[in-house]
Amino acid sequence: MPDIPDTLGAFVPHFHGTLRGAAAGPLAGTKFAVKDIYDIAGHVTGCGNPDWLRTHGPAEKTAPVVDALLAVGATMIGKTITDEIAYSLNGQNFHYGTPVNANAPGRIPGGSSSGSASAVAGGAVDFALGSDTGGSVRVPASLCGIYGIRTSHGRIPLQGIMPLAPSFDTIGWFARDAALLNRVGAVLLGEDTAAAPLRELLVVEDAFALANLSCGAALQPSVNAVATALGPSHAVRIGGADGELPDWMMRFRRLQAREIWGQHGPWIEATKPRFGPEIAARFDWSKSVYESPDGDDARMREQFTRRLDDLLKDGAVLCLPAAASIAPGVGLVGDASQQFRDRTLSLTCIANLARLPQVTIIAGRVDKCPIGLGLISRRGSDRMLLALAEKIAAAKPSRV
């Protein structure tokens, strides 16, 4: 546990201690937490499952991204709960519990970076590292009413981090304000590789059609604020003749499942770990996908990527709901869980498949619960996207 009371249930029980940051630097005086898939030298990385914790030894080195934050003055105070093997969007861990969603009490925080989002939303830390393969930063940021970013795939090296599906895995982080989200990016991202400025807003009609109607209405003032910051605004559809968003979601799920079983199947079959029921079913499905013919998913992904690259090449920004609804209540299971997952993955699959950066900004409330707006830009424009989020927040402060 961290060296502070864990009133949020956000931190893992098997990590103790604090890693002090440098005395000076651009993040001096800030506190952060790290999702328990990042290695810390001398400690076992638990990955959300007691059998993983039991069958793995202490890490020899600390993940470079953590060292980079320590070097510029940030102090790490603990490791946070993740959904088992980072394979869920809900944030309910069968073994370690459900971290508190401080901005939507009684509701899930979202996952798999559940503890990191909870710790930030609840004020235990200033920012926290997560990871995002299918939405694991963007979705908890929306449900918890905070800012979060999924970075361009490959932009930040993933050394010292448990792989889930390597062609989709990215580093991300959370903060309560856009300025700090941007300051962390200045440390971790380096210079953007994309040159053209962000200058046009594309509102994704078929994404808004998938979201709860009241959420779409609550997001509209923030959509208007983004349009004011960027300039022209136009409506677009991402789905079409080659598949609607739910079809692309299934392509993403199959591609992800093949990679996940390729990474973790041998350990699962050798160890026979105890998973929560939904996670166990998901791994069983991954195995069945892995053992079935490949189909054309990989080829269609590259076609989708080229289409998105062309759409965004001149500085356009896609705007869409970050999640399909506000946070469901704790205890989400069965058909309701699958429906929330599928509708939300139909939104997040756009950036997943095309390897694009996406930021979640604080946008509005429905039934006293937060909902976030997602902004996607071209690959390599992460710093510009963070600067845009900060500009919007400064012009129209959002409160949860």
Protein backbone atom coordinates (compact mmCIF):
# COMPACT_ATOMS: atom_id res chain seq x y z
CA MET A 1 0.00 0.00 0.00
CA PRO A 2 1.16 3.61 -0.45
CA ASP A 3 2.42 5.67 2.47
CA ILE A 4 -1.00 7.39 2.68
CA PRO A 5 -4.44 6.07 3.70
CA ASP A 6 -6.10 4.38 0.72
CA THR A 7 -9.68 5.57 1.17
CA LEU A 8 -10.39 4.97 -2.52
CA GLY A 9 -9.39 1.32 -2.78
CA ALA A 10 -7.24 2.40 -5.72
CA PHE A 11 -3.84 0.97 -4.71
CA VAL A 12 -2.55 -2.59 -4.77
CA PRO A 13 -1.78 -4.23 -1.42
CA HIS A 14 1.56 -5.72 -2.44
CA PHE A 15 3.58 -2.55 -3.15
CA HIS A 16 4.97 -0.51 -0.28
CA GLY A 17 7.09 2.59 -0.32
CA THR A 18 7.71 5.83 -2.17
CA LEU A 19 10.11 6.64 -5.01
CA ARG A 20 11.29 10.18 -4.49
CA GLY A 21 11.68 12.38 -7.51
CA ALA A 22 14.58 14.72 -8.21
CA ALA A 23 14.74 17.88 -6.13
CA ALA A 24 14.18 20.09 -9.18
CA GLY A 25 12.54 19.76 -12.56
CA PRO A 26 9.38 20.63 -14.49
CA LEU A 27 7.28 18.19 -12.42
CA ALA A 28 8.90 18.90 -9.05
CA GLY A 29 6.42 18.76 -6.19
CA THR A 30 3.91 16.56 -8.00
CA LYS A 31 2.82 13.10 -6.87
CA PHE A 32 1.94 10.27 -9.22
CA ALA A 33 0.88 6.64 -9.19
CA VAL A 34 1.56 3.83 -11.64
CA LYS A 35 -0.74 1.12 -12.98
CA ASP A 36 0.41 -2.29 -11.76
CA ILE A 37 1.59 -3.44 -15.18
CA TYR A 38 4.68 -1.18 -15.03
CA ASP A 39 7.87 -2.69 -13.61
CA ILE A 40 9.46 -1.20 -10.52
CA ALA A 41 12.90 -2.65 -9.70
CA GLY A 42 12.81 -5.07 -6.77
CA HIS A 43 9.03 -5.51 -6.86
CA VAL A 44 6.77 -8.04 -8.54
CA THR A 45 4.45 -6.56 -11.14
CA GLY A 46 1.04 -8.00 -10.24
CA CYS A 47 -1.02 -7.28 -13.39
CA GLY A 48 -4.29 -7.55 -11.47
CA ASN A 49 -4.17 -11.28 -10.74
CA PRO A 50 -2.82 -13.09 -7.64
CA ASP A 51 -1.60 -16.06 -9.69
CA TRP A 52 0.41 -13.73 -11.92
CA LEU A 53 1.88 -12.18 -8.78
CA ARG A 54 2.69 -15.65 -7.42
CA THR A 55 4.35 -16.98 -10.59
CA HIS A 56 6.56 -14.00 -11.46
CA GLY A 57 9.69 -12.71 -9.80
CA PRO A 58 10.70 -9.15 -8.91
CA ALA A 59 11.54 -6.82 -11.77
CA GLU A 60 15.23 -6.18 -12.35
CA LYS A 61 14.72 -2.68 -13.75
CA THR A 62 12.19 0.10 -13.43
CA ALA A 63 10.22 0.92 -16.58
CA PRO A 64 12.02 3.79 -18.37
CA VAL A 65 8.88 5.94 -18.49
CA VAL A 66 8.71 5.86 -14.67
CA ASP A 67 12.40 6.75 -14.40
CA ALA A 68 11.82 9.68 -16.77
CA LEU A 69 9.15 11.11 -14.47
CA LEU A 70 11.27 10.65 -11.35
CA ALA A 71 14.16 12.41 -13.08
CA VAL A 72 12.11 15.60 -13.56
CA GLY A 73 10.91 15.84 -9.97
CA ALA A 74 7.71 13.80 -9.75
CA THR A 75 7.42 11.45 -6.74
CA MET A 76 5.75 8.05 -7.13
CA ILE A 77 3.64 7.10 -4.12
CA GLY A 78 2.16 3.75 -5.14
CA LYS A 79 0.96 1.23 -7.70
CA THR A 80 -2.68 1.09 -8.69
CA ILE A 81 -5.19 -1.68 -9.30
CA THR A 82 -5.77 -2.84 -12.86
CA ASP A 83 -8.40 -5.16 -14.28
CA GLU A 84 -6.98 -8.67 -14.59
CA ILE A 85 -4.18 -8.72 -17.19
CA ALA A 86 -5.57 -5.33 -18.32
CA TYR A 87 -8.33 -7.07 -20.30
CA SER A 88 -11.50 -5.12 -19.43
CA LEU A 89 -13.14 -1.70 -19.65
CA ASN A 90 -15.18 -1.96 -16.45
CA GLY A 91 -12.72 -1.49 -13.60
CA GLN A 92 -14.13 -4.27 -11.40
CA ASN A 93 -11.37 -6.60 -10.23
CA PHE A 94 -12.65 -9.97 -8.95
CA HIS A 95 -9.70 -10.30 -6.53
CA TYR A 96 -8.87 -6.75 -5.45
CA GLY A 97 -12.22 -4.99 -5.67
CA THR A 98 -13.55 -1.93 -7.49
CA PRO A 99 -11.74 1.38 -6.95
CA VAL A 100 -14.00 4.27 -5.95
CA ASN A 101 -15.25 6.65 -8.62
CA ALA A 102 -15.16 9.86 -6.59
CA ASN A 103 -17.12 11.84 -9.17
CA ALA A 104 -19.85 9.21 -9.63
CA PRO A 105 -20.25 7.41 -6.27
CA GLY A 106 -21.62 3.89 -6.51
CA ARG A 107 -20.60 3.61 -10.14
CA ILE A 108 -17.68 1.84 -11.83
CA PRO A 109 -14.51 3.81 -12.55
CA GLY A 110 -13.90 2.10 -15.89
CA GLY A 111 -10.86 0.03 -16.73
CA SER A 112 -8.49 -1.37 -17.15
CA SER A 113 -6.59 1.60 -15.68
CA SER A 114 -9.17 1.74 -12.90
CA GLY A 115 -6.97 2.46 -9.90
CA SER A 116 -5.02 5.17 -11.70
CA ALA A 117 -8.22 6.98 -12.72
CA SER A 118 -9.66 6.58 -9.22
CA ALA A 119 -6.51 7.94 -7.55
CA VAL A 120 -6.52 11.03 -9.76
CA ALA A 121 -10.26 11.71 -9.55
CA GLY A 122 -10.19 11.25 -5.77
CA GLY A 123 -7.23 13.59 -5.27
CA ALA A 124 -4.75 10.99 -3.96
CA VAL A 125 -2.23 11.94 -6.66
CA ASP A 126 -1.76 14.74 -9.17
CA PHE A 127 -1.44 12.43 -12.15
CA ALA A 128 -1.16 8.71 -12.83
CA LEU A 129 0.15 6.41 -15.52
CA GLY A 130 -2.17 3.95 -17.20
CA SER A 131 -2.11 2.04 -20.45
CA ASP A 132 -4.54 2.05 -23.36
CA THR A 133 -4.99 -0.89 -25.71
CA GLY A 134 -8.73 -0.71 -26.37
CA GLY A 135 -9.79 2.33 -24.33
CA SER A 136 -8.26 1.74 -20.90
CA VAL A 137 -7.34 5.40 -20.32
CA ARG A 138 -9.92 7.18 -22.47
CA VAL A 139 -12.92 5.41 -20.97
CA PRO A 140 -12.00 5.72 -17.24
CA ALA A 141 -11.18 9.40 -17.85
CA SER A 142 -14.70 9.91 -19.19
CA LEU A 143 -16.45 7.93 -16.45
CA CYS A 144 -14.44 9.59 -13.66
CA GLY A 145 -14.60 13.15 -14.97
CA ILE A 146 -10.88 13.74 -15.52
CA TYR A 147 -8.50 14.25 -18.44
CA GLY A 148 -6.67 11.38 -20.11
CA ILE A 149 -4.61 10.60 -23.19
CA ARG A 150 -3.89 7.56 -25.30
CA THR A 151 -0.68 8.37 -27.19
CA SER A 152 0.14 7.52 -30.81
CA HIS A 153 1.03 3.85 -31.10
CA GLY A 154 4.82 3.51 -30.86
CA ARG A 155 5.35 7.12 -29.75
CA ILE A 156 6.63 6.15 -26.27
CA PRO A 157 8.64 2.92 -25.85
CA LEU A 158 6.88 0.19 -23.87
CA GLN A 159 9.89 -1.37 -22.16
CA GLY A 160 9.19 -2.64 -18.67
CA ILE A 161 5.42 -2.79 -19.22
CA MET A 162 3.33 -5.96 -19.45
CA PRO A 163 2.27 -6.45 -23.08
CA LEU A 164 -1.38 -7.19 -23.81
CA ALA A 165 -1.80 -6.83 -27.59
CA PRO A 166 1.43 -5.24 -28.83
CA SER A 167 0.16 -3.74 -32.08
CA PHE A 168 -2.46 -1.82 -30.06
CA ASP A 169 -0.71 -1.20 -26.69
CA THR A 170 0.07 2.41 -25.80
CA ILE A 171 1.11 4.44 -22.76
CA GLY A 172 -1.34 6.97 -21.36
CA TRP A 173 -1.94 9.07 -18.27
CA PHE A 174 -4.59 10.97 -16.31
CA ALA A 175 -4.76 14.37 -14.62
CA ARG A 176 -7.47 16.55 -13.12
CA ASP A 177 -6.46 19.52 -15.24
CA ALA A 178 -5.42 19.80 -18.86
CA ALA A 179 -2.36 21.90 -18.10
CA LEU A 180 -0.76 19.13 -16.02
CA LEU A 181 -1.75 16.52 -18.61
CA ASN A 182 0.19 18.63 -21.11
CA ARG A 183 3.19 19.11 -18.79
CA VAL A 184 3.54 15.34 -18.40
CA GLY A 185 3.40 15.05 -22.19
CA ALA A 186 6.22 17.56 -22.54
CA VAL A 187 8.40 15.18 -20.50
CA LEU A 188 7.41 11.89 -22.11
CA LEU A 189 6.62 12.64 -25.74
CA GLY A 190 9.48 14.64 -27.21
CA GLU A 191 8.71 16.71 -30.30
CA ASP A 192 5.76 16.01 -32.57
CA THR A 193 6.53 14.38 -35.89
CA ALA A 194 3.44 15.84 -37.59
CA ALA A 195 4.00 19.37 -38.89
CA ALA A 196 0.67 20.85 -39.99
CA PRO A 197 -1.28 22.59 -37.19
CA LEU A 198 -4.65 21.31 -36.00
CA ARG A 199 -7.25 23.47 -37.72
CA GLU A 200 -10.54 21.76 -38.53
CA LEU A 201 -13.14 19.88 -36.47
CA LEU A 202 -14.85 16.77 -37.83
CA VAL A 203 -17.84 15.69 -35.72
CA VAL A 204 -18.29 11.92 -36.07
CA GLU A 205 -22.03 11.49 -36.61
CA ASP A 206 -22.14 7.71 -36.41
CA ALA A 207 -20.19 7.79 -33.14
CA PHE A 208 -22.67 10.20 -31.56
CA ALA A 209 -25.48 7.94 -32.79
CA LEU A 210 -24.03 5.08 -30.72
CA ALA A 211 -23.95 7.07 -27.49
CA ASN A 212 -26.80 7.56 -25.06
CA LEU A 213 -28.96 10.43 -26.35
CA SER A 214 -28.73 12.44 -23.14
CA CYS A 215 -24.94 12.11 -23.23
CA GLY A 216 -24.82 13.43 -26.78
CA ALA A 217 -26.86 16.45 -25.75
CA ALA A 218 -24.67 17.09 -22.70
CA LEU A 219 -21.55 17.02 -24.89
CA GLN A 220 -22.80 19.63 -27.36
CA PRO A 221 -21.51 22.74 -25.49
CA SER A 222 -18.04 21.21 -25.41
CA VAL A 223 -18.26 20.34 -29.11
CA ASN A 224 -19.04 24.02 -29.72
CA ALA A 225 -16.06 25.06 -27.57
CA VAL A 226 -13.73 22.82 -29.60
CA ALA A 227 -15.10 24.29 -32.83
CA THR A 228 -14.43 27.79 -31.50
CA ALA A 229 -10.83 26.84 -30.73
CA LEU A 230 -10.19 25.07 -34.04
CA GLY A 231 -12.19 26.84 -36.72
CA PRO A 232 -14.47 25.18 -39.29
CA SER A 233 -16.67 22.30 -38.17
CA HIS A 234 -18.07 19.56 -40.41
CA ALA A 235 -19.95 16.31 -39.88
CA VAL A 236 -18.40 13.03 -41.04
CA ARG A 237 -19.14 9.32 -40.84
CA ILE A 238 -16.39 6.78 -40.16
CA GLY A 239 -18.49 3.74 -41.01
CA GLY A 240 -19.54 3.06 -44.58
CA ALA A 241 -19.50 0.49 -47.36
CA ASP A 242 -16.58 -1.36 -45.79
CA GLY A 243 -18.32 -1.66 -42.41
CA GLU A 244 -20.13 0.36 -39.77
CA LEU A 245 -18.49 1.15 -36.43
CA PRO A 246 -19.80 -2.04 -34.72
CA ASP A 247 -18.25 -4.06 -37.58
CA TRP A 248 -14.92 -2.34 -37.10
CA MET A 249 -15.23 -2.96 -33.37
CA MET A 250 -15.47 -6.71 -34.02
CA ARG A 251 -12.45 -6.59 -36.31
CA PHE A 252 -10.55 -4.86 -33.52
CA ARG A 253 -11.72 -7.43 -30.96
CA ARG A 254 -10.61 -10.37 -33.09
CA LEU A 255 -7.21 -8.86 -33.88
CA GLN A 256 -6.71 -7.98 -30.22
CA ALA A 257 -7.79 -11.45 -29.07
CA ARG A 258 -5.27 -13.18 -31.36
CA GLU A 259 -2.44 -11.07 -29.98
CA ILE A 260 -3.57 -11.51 -26.38
CA TRP A 261 -3.70 -15.29 -26.59
CA GLY A 262 -0.36 -15.30 -28.40
CA GLN A 263 1.13 -13.32 -25.52
CA HIS A 264 -0.55 -14.97 -22.54
CA GLY A 265 -2.02 -18.26 -23.71
CA PRO A 266 1.05 -20.36 -22.80
CA TRP A 267 1.12 -18.92 -19.26
CA ILE A 268 -2.64 -19.44 -18.83
CA GLU A 269 -2.49 -23.06 -19.97
CA ALA A 270 0.57 -23.82 -17.82
CA THR A 271 -0.62 -22.00 -14.69
CA LYS A 272 -4.41 -22.34 -14.92
CA PRO A 273 -4.90 -19.06 -13.03
CA ARG A 274 -8.12 -18.21 -11.26
CA PHE A 275 -9.84 -15.40 -13.16
CA GLY A 276 -13.09 -13.62 -12.43
CA PRO A 277 -15.97 -15.06 -14.52
CA GLU A 278 -16.04 -12.35 -17.20
CA ILE A 279 -12.27 -12.33 -17.64
CA ALA A 280 -12.18 -16.12 -17.80
CA ALA A 281 -14.82 -16.10 -20.54
CA ARG A 282 -12.89 -13.42 -22.43
CA PHE A 283 -9.70 -15.48 -22.42
CA ASP A 284 -11.63 -18.57 -23.53
CA TRP A 285 -12.98 -16.55 -26.44
CA SER A 286 -9.48 -15.27 -27.25
CA LYS A 287 -8.24 -18.84 -27.47
CA SER A 288 -11.03 -19.78 -29.86
CA VAL A 289 -10.25 -16.77 -32.07
CA TYR A 290 -6.53 -17.58 -32.01
CA GLU A 291 -7.24 -21.13 -33.16
CA SER A 292 -9.60 -20.07 -35.97
CA PRO A 293 -8.61 -18.95 -39.51
CA ASP A 294 -7.18 -15.44 -39.73
CA GLY A 295 -9.66 -13.96 -42.18
CA ASP A 296 -9.12 -10.48 -43.62
CA ASP A 297 -9.05 -8.43 -40.40
CA ALA A 298 -5.38 -7.46 -40.64
CA ARG A 299 -5.69 -6.38 -44.27
CA MET A 300 -8.84 -4.38 -43.55
CA ARG A 301 -7.13 -2.71 -40.60
CA GLU A 302 -4.45 -1.33 -42.91
CA GLN A 303 -7.12 -0.10 -45.32
CA PHE A 304 -8.92 1.61 -42.42
CA THR A 305 -5.63 3.18 -41.27
CA ARG A 306 -4.91 4.63 -44.72
CA ARG A 307 -8.41 6.11 -44.87
CA LEU A 308 -8.04 7.75 -41.44
CA ASP A 309 -4.55 9.00 -42.27
CA ASP A 310 -5.93 10.69 -45.39
CA LEU A 311 -8.85 12.19 -43.48
CA LEU A 312 -6.59 13.72 -40.81
CA LYS A 313 -3.48 14.60 -42.84
CA ASP A 314 -4.14 18.34 -43.13
CA GLY A 315 -4.79 18.93 -39.43
CA ALA A 316 -8.37 17.77 -38.94
CA VAL A 317 -9.49 16.60 -35.48
CA LEU A 318 -12.21 13.99 -34.98
CA CYS A 319 -14.70 14.67 -32.20
CA LEU A 320 -16.78 11.90 -30.60
CA PRO A 321 -18.10 10.70 -27.22
CA ALA A 322 -15.28 9.16 -25.19
CA ALA A 323 -17.65 6.49 -23.86
CA ALA A 324 -21.13 5.34 -24.82
CA SER A 325 -22.73 6.44 -21.55
CA ILE A 326 -22.06 7.65 -18.05
CA ALA A 327 -20.56 5.12 -15.65
CA PRO A 328 -22.85 2.14 -15.01
CA GLY A 329 -23.45 1.09 -11.42
CA VAL A 330 -21.00 -1.12 -9.56
CA GLY A 331 -21.85 -4.79 -10.05
CA LEU A 332 -22.24 -4.54 -13.82
CA VAL A 333 -22.39 -8.09 -15.23
CA GLY A 334 -23.90 -10.17 -18.00
CA ASP A 335 -25.71 -8.64 -20.96
CA ALA A 336 -25.58 -5.12 -19.52
CA SER A 337 -21.80 -5.38 -19.17
CA GLN A 338 -21.39 -6.70 -22.71
CA GLN A 339 -23.63 -4.00 -24.15
CA PHE A 340 -21.67 -1.23 -22.43
CA ARG A 341 -18.42 -2.79 -23.58
CA ASP A 342 -19.48 -3.28 -27.21
CA ARG A 343 -20.99 0.19 -27.64
CA THR A 344 -17.98 1.85 -26.05
CA LEU A 345 -15.45 -0.23 -28.01
CA SER A 346 -17.31 0.81 -31.17
CA LEU A 347 -16.19 4.34 -30.29
CA THR A 348 -12.65 3.60 -29.13
CA CYS A 349 -11.86 1.22 -32.02
CA ILE A 350 -11.26 4.17 -34.36
CA ALA A 351 -8.02 5.22 -32.65
CA ASN A 352 -7.17 1.61 -31.78
CA LEU A 353 -7.21 0.35 -35.35
CA ALA A 354 -5.57 3.41 -36.91
CA ARG A 355 -2.91 3.78 -34.17
CA LEU A 356 -3.93 7.38 -33.47
CA PRO A 357 -3.65 9.60 -30.39
CA GLN A 358 -6.84 10.49 -28.56
CA VAL A 359 -7.46 12.77 -25.60
CA THR A 360 -10.49 12.72 -23.31
CA ILE A 361 -11.53 16.13 -22.04
CA ILE A 362 -13.95 16.94 -19.22
CA ALA A 363 -17.17 17.83 -21.01
CA GLY A 364 -20.43 17.61 -19.07
CA ARG A 365 -22.72 15.76 -16.70
CA VAL A 366 -25.78 13.54 -17.06
CA ASP A 367 -27.75 12.48 -13.98
CA LYS A 368 -25.01 14.11 -11.86
CA CYS A 369 -22.35 11.87 -13.45
CA PRO A 370 -19.49 13.02 -15.72
CA ILE A 371 -19.16 12.28 -19.41
CA GLY A 372 -16.09 13.07 -21.52
CA LEU A 373 -15.50 14.18 -25.09
CA GLY A 374 -12.89 12.43 -27.23
CA LEU A 375 -10.59 14.24 -29.67
CA ILE A 376 -8.51 12.27 -32.19
CA SER A 377 -5.75 13.73 -34.36
CA ARG A 378 -3.21 12.33 -36.80
CA ARG A 379 -0.42 10.07 -35.67
CA GLY A 380 2.51 11.98 -34.20
CA SER A 381 0.51 15.10 -33.26
CA ASP A 382 0.14 14.21 -29.56
CA ARG A 383 1.70 17.43 -28.23
CA MET A 384 -0.58 19.55 -30.41
CA LEU A 385 -3.58 17.56 -29.21
CA LEU A 386 -2.61 18.14 -25.57
CA ALA A 387 -2.11 21.85 -26.26
CA LEU A 388 -5.58 21.96 -27.82
CA ALA A 389 -7.10 20.32 -24.74
CA GLU A 390 -5.38 22.88 -22.51
CA LYS A 391 -6.58 25.75 -24.71
CA ILE A 392 -10.18 24.53 -24.56
CA ALA A 393 -10.02 24.05 -20.79
CA ALA A 394 -8.60 27.54 -20.29
CA ALA A 395 -11.31 29.12 -22.45
CA LYS A 396 -14.22 27.14 -20.99
CA PRO A 397 -13.33 25.58 -17.64
CA SER A 398 -15.24 22.37 -17.06
CA ARG A 399 -16.29 21.21 -13.64
CA VAL A 400 -17.36 17.78 -12.55
